[in-house]
Protein backbone atom coordinates (compact mmCIF):
# COMPACT_ATOMS: atom_id res chain seq x y z
CA MET A 1 7.54 -21.79 12.50
CA SER A 2 8.80 -23.99 9.75
CA LYS A 3 10.17 -27.42 9.07
CA PRO A 4 13.97 -27.57 9.52
CA VAL A 5 15.64 -27.14 6.15
CA PHE A 6 17.67 -30.34 6.15
CA GLU A 7 15.08 -32.57 7.82
CA ASP A 8 13.89 -35.33 5.48
CA ILE A 9 15.92 -33.88 2.61
CA LEU A 10 16.36 -37.35 1.11
CA ASN A 11 12.87 -38.62 1.95
CA TYR A 12 10.92 -38.44 -1.29
CA LYS A 13 8.10 -40.80 -0.24
CA THR A 14 6.51 -39.05 2.74
CA GLY A 15 6.27 -35.71 4.49
CA ARG A 16 5.36 -32.14 3.74
CA ARG A 17 7.46 -28.99 3.32
CA ASN A 18 6.16 -25.42 3.58
CA ARG A 19 7.18 -22.48 1.38
CA LYS A 20 9.91 -21.07 3.62
CA SER A 21 11.61 -24.41 4.18
CA TYR A 22 11.31 -25.24 0.47
CA ALA A 23 12.82 -21.91 -0.59
CA LEU A 24 15.75 -22.23 1.83
CA ALA A 25 16.45 -25.83 0.84
CA PHE A 26 16.18 -24.92 -2.85
CA LEU A 27 18.62 -22.04 -2.32
CA VAL A 28 21.17 -24.22 -0.50
CA LEU A 29 20.96 -26.97 -3.12
CA SER A 30 21.24 -24.46 -5.98
CA ILE A 31 24.30 -22.79 -4.47
CA ALA A 32 25.93 -26.18 -3.88
CA SER A 33 25.18 -27.26 -7.43
CA LEU A 34 26.42 -24.03 -9.01
CA GLY A 35 29.56 -23.99 -6.87
CA PHE A 36 30.46 -27.56 -7.69
CA THR A 37 29.73 -27.01 -11.39
CA ALA A 38 31.97 -23.94 -11.44
CA LEU A 39 34.75 -25.87 -9.70
CA SER A 40 34.43 -28.78 -12.12
CA LEU A 41 34.45 -26.52 -15.17
CA SER A 42 37.48 -24.60 -13.95
CA LEU A 43 39.44 -27.84 -13.58
CA VAL A 44 38.47 -29.34 -16.94
CA SER A 45 41.30 -27.59 -18.76
CA ALA A 46 43.92 -28.89 -16.30
CA ASN A 47 45.39 -32.27 -17.16
CA SER A 48 46.08 -34.12 -13.96
CA THR A 49 45.04 -37.16 -12.00
CA PHE A 50 43.39 -34.96 -9.38
CA THR A 51 41.13 -33.46 -12.03
CA ALA A 52 40.10 -36.88 -13.28
CA VAL A 53 39.31 -38.07 -9.74
CA LEU A 54 37.32 -34.91 -9.01
CA LEU A 55 35.31 -35.29 -12.18
CA LEU A 56 34.57 -38.93 -11.32
CA LEU A 57 33.40 -37.84 -7.88
CA SER A 58 31.13 -35.24 -9.46
CA ILE A 59 28.84 -37.92 -10.89
CA PRO A 60 27.57 -39.30 -7.55
CA LEU A 61 27.40 -35.80 -6.07
CA SER A 62 25.29 -34.60 -8.98
CA ILE A 63 22.98 -37.59 -8.60
CA LEU A 64 22.66 -36.87 -4.86
CA LEU A 65 21.76 -33.22 -5.53
CA VAL A 66 19.09 -34.26 -8.06
CA ILE A 67 17.60 -36.76 -5.58
CA CYS A 68 17.49 -34.06 -2.89
CA GLN A 69 15.78 -31.64 -5.28
CA ILE A 70 13.19 -34.27 -6.24
CA ALA A 71 12.56 -35.05 -2.57
CA ILE A 72 11.99 -31.45 -1.46
CA SER A 73 9.84 -30.69 -4.51
CA SER A 74 7.63 -33.72 -3.93
CA GLN A 75 7.30 -32.76 -0.25
CA ARG A 76 6.26 -29.26 -1.31
CA LEU A 77 3.66 -30.68 -3.69
CA ARG A 78 2.25 -32.79 -0.87
CA ASP A 79 1.99 -29.69 1.33
CA ILE A 80 -0.10 -28.03 -1.39
CA GLY A 81 -2.27 -31.15 -1.61
CA TYR A 82 -0.97 -32.82 -4.76
CA SER A 83 0.82 -36.11 -5.22
CA GLY A 84 4.57 -36.08 -5.80
CA TRP A 85 3.87 -37.58 -9.23
CA PHE A 86 2.87 -34.09 -10.43
CA LEU A 87 6.60 -33.43 -10.42
CA LEU A 88 6.71 -35.22 -13.78
CA LEU A 89 5.27 -32.01 -15.25
CA MET A 90 8.79 -30.59 -14.80
CA LEU A 91 9.84 -32.69 -17.79
CA ILE A 92 7.68 -30.55 -20.11
CA PRO A 93 9.83 -27.57 -21.19
CA PHE A 94 7.63 -24.52 -20.47
CA ALA A 95 5.41 -26.23 -17.92
CA SER A 96 8.46 -26.66 -15.69
CA LEU A 97 8.68 -22.89 -15.17
CA VAL A 98 4.99 -22.73 -14.24
CA VAL A 99 5.37 -25.65 -11.81
CA GLN A 100 8.45 -24.08 -10.21
CA VAL A 101 6.67 -20.73 -9.68
CA PHE A 102 3.66 -22.64 -8.33
CA LEU A 103 5.87 -24.47 -5.81
CA PHE A 104 7.34 -21.20 -4.54
CA PHE A 105 4.13 -19.21 -4.19
CA ALA A 106 1.16 -21.57 -3.67
CA PRO A 107 0.04 -21.71 -0.05
CA GLY A 108 0.02 -25.09 1.63
CA GLN A 109 -3.10 -26.69 3.01
CA ALA A 110 -3.81 -25.64 6.58
CA GLY A 111 -3.86 -28.42 9.09
CA GLU A 112 -3.35 -32.09 8.42
CA ASN A 113 -3.99 -33.48 4.95
CA THR A 114 -3.72 -36.99 3.49
CA TYR A 115 0.08 -36.59 3.21
CA GLY A 116 0.81 -35.71 6.84
CA SER A 117 0.66 -33.01 9.48
CA ASP A 118 1.10 -29.31 8.79
CA PRO A 119 4.84 -28.40 8.72
CA ARG A 120 4.05 -24.88 9.96
CA ASN A 121 3.18 -26.23 13.39
CA MET A 122 6.86 -26.36 14.35
CA ASP A 123 8.03 -24.35 17.36
CA GLU A 124 10.83 -22.44 15.62
CA ILE A 125 12.78 -22.52 12.37
CA GLU A 126 16.03 -24.42 12.34
CA ILE A 127 18.58 -24.35 9.58
CA PHE A 128 20.15 -27.65 10.63
CA GLY A 129 17.72 -30.20 12.11
CA SER A 130 18.26 -31.19 15.70
């Protein structure tokens, strides 16, 4: 009973995301980011046009991954009962670790809150939204 992982992954203005859905989305985004970073770094030493094109394509992909991470984190904060603006605490060096642990382990508010309905009221978990 969870929100589908890829549902509203780019919607940073509305919605809620529970712990399970947040953890799965965070894992998928982290693996994608690490894999693409490793690929980019392995091709840096090669001098070719393909490498230059791939590195140019990495900029929009990196921006997209950051937007997705901001969206799921703000949805998770809304599930806990805080505004997405609390995500700005991630800019403070050691506070970011505390906020990240808080996002993973803090229980969400039961039932509907001011940010939307409870995401745990889904019928079944889906990895890819239907």
